[in-house]
Protein backbone atom coordinates (compact mmCIF):
# COMPACT_ATOMS: atom_id res chain seq x y z
CA UNK A 1 13.78 -7.82 -17.87
CA UNK A 2 15.99 -7.77 -20.92
CA UNK A 3 13.47 -5.90 -23.12
CA UNK A 4 13.68 -2.15 -22.58
CA UNK A 5 11.75 0.59 -24.34
CA UNK A 6 11.38 4.31 -24.88
CA UNK A 7 7.61 4.15 -25.11
CA UNK A 8 7.06 6.92 -22.58
CA UNK A 9 9.48 9.22 -24.43
CA UNK A 10 7.91 8.46 -27.82
CA UNK A 11 4.43 9.02 -26.38
CA UNK A 12 5.48 12.37 -24.91
CA UNK A 13 6.81 13.47 -28.31
CA UNK A 14 3.32 12.95 -29.72
CA UNK A 15 1.67 14.59 -26.72
CA UNK A 16 -0.67 11.70 -26.02
CA UNK A 17 -1.46 9.84 -22.83
CA UNK A 18 -1.49 6.11 -22.20
CA UNK A 19 -5.22 5.76 -22.83
CA UNK A 20 -4.97 7.55 -26.18
CA UNK A 21 -2.05 5.39 -27.27
CA UNK A 22 -3.93 2.29 -26.18
CA UNK A 23 -6.91 3.29 -28.32
CA UNK A 24 -4.67 3.85 -31.33
CA UNK A 25 -3.22 0.33 -31.13
CA UNK A 26 -6.22 -1.53 -29.72
CA UNK A 27 -5.14 -2.25 -26.14
CA UNK A 28 -5.99 -0.87 -22.71
CA UNK A 29 -4.24 1.94 -20.87
CA UNK A 30 -3.14 -0.67 -18.35
CA UNK A 31 -1.34 -2.65 -21.06
CA UNK A 32 0.53 0.47 -22.19
CA UNK A 33 1.49 1.13 -18.57
CA UNK A 34 2.76 -2.44 -18.11
CA UNK A 35 4.86 -2.21 -21.29
CA UNK A 36 6.34 1.16 -20.24
CA UNK A 37 7.32 -0.26 -16.83
CA UNK A 38 8.86 -3.35 -18.42
CA UNK A 39 6.39 -5.67 -16.71
CA UNK A 40 4.91 -6.97 -19.98
CA UNK A 41 6.55 -7.94 -23.26
CA UNK A 42 4.25 -7.04 -26.15
CA UNK A 43 3.63 -9.30 -29.13
CA UNK A 44 5.48 -8.51 -32.33
CA UNK A 45 2.18 -7.36 -33.82
CA UNK A 46 1.70 -4.85 -31.02
CA UNK A 47 5.32 -3.71 -31.30
CA UNK A 48 4.81 -3.01 -35.00
CA UNK A 49 1.54 -1.15 -34.35
CA UNK A 50 3.23 1.02 -31.72
CA UNK A 51 6.14 1.84 -34.01
CA UNK A 52 3.75 2.67 -36.84
CA UNK A 53 1.96 5.17 -34.57
CA UNK A 54 5.30 6.80 -33.71
CA UNK A 55 6.54 6.49 -37.32
CA UNK A 56 9.88 5.10 -36.16
CA UNK A 57 11.87 1.89 -36.51
CA UNK A 58 11.43 -0.84 -33.93
CA UNK A 59 14.99 -0.27 -32.70
CA UNK A 60 14.09 3.31 -31.76
CA UNK A 61 11.46 2.08 -29.30
CA UNK A 62 12.51 -1.39 -28.17
CA UNK A 63 15.90 -2.82 -27.25
CA UNK A 64 16.65 -6.39 -26.20
CA UNK A 65 19.62 -6.86 -23.91
CA UNK A 66 20.87 -10.34 -23.09
CA UNK A 67 21.10 -11.30 -19.43
CA UNK A 68 24.73 -11.49 -18.30
CA UNK A 69 24.07 -15.07 -17.13
CA UNK A 70 23.31 -16.10 -20.73
CA UNK A 71 26.52 -14.68 -22.20
């Protein structure tokens, strides 16, 4: 998937687990797990909520890389 993230790293910096992060942004632990693995692309609203929790810019958590086929 072209969307990568540092969610796990950011979460570790805060010392919280997936369930705690999910509660802070209003989603399940499973959703956080799917995002961390790259199996789910979050909505822009969820992206902004996550970045607000970490107090960082979107670019510090999420990165979109074009597929080589699309270049």
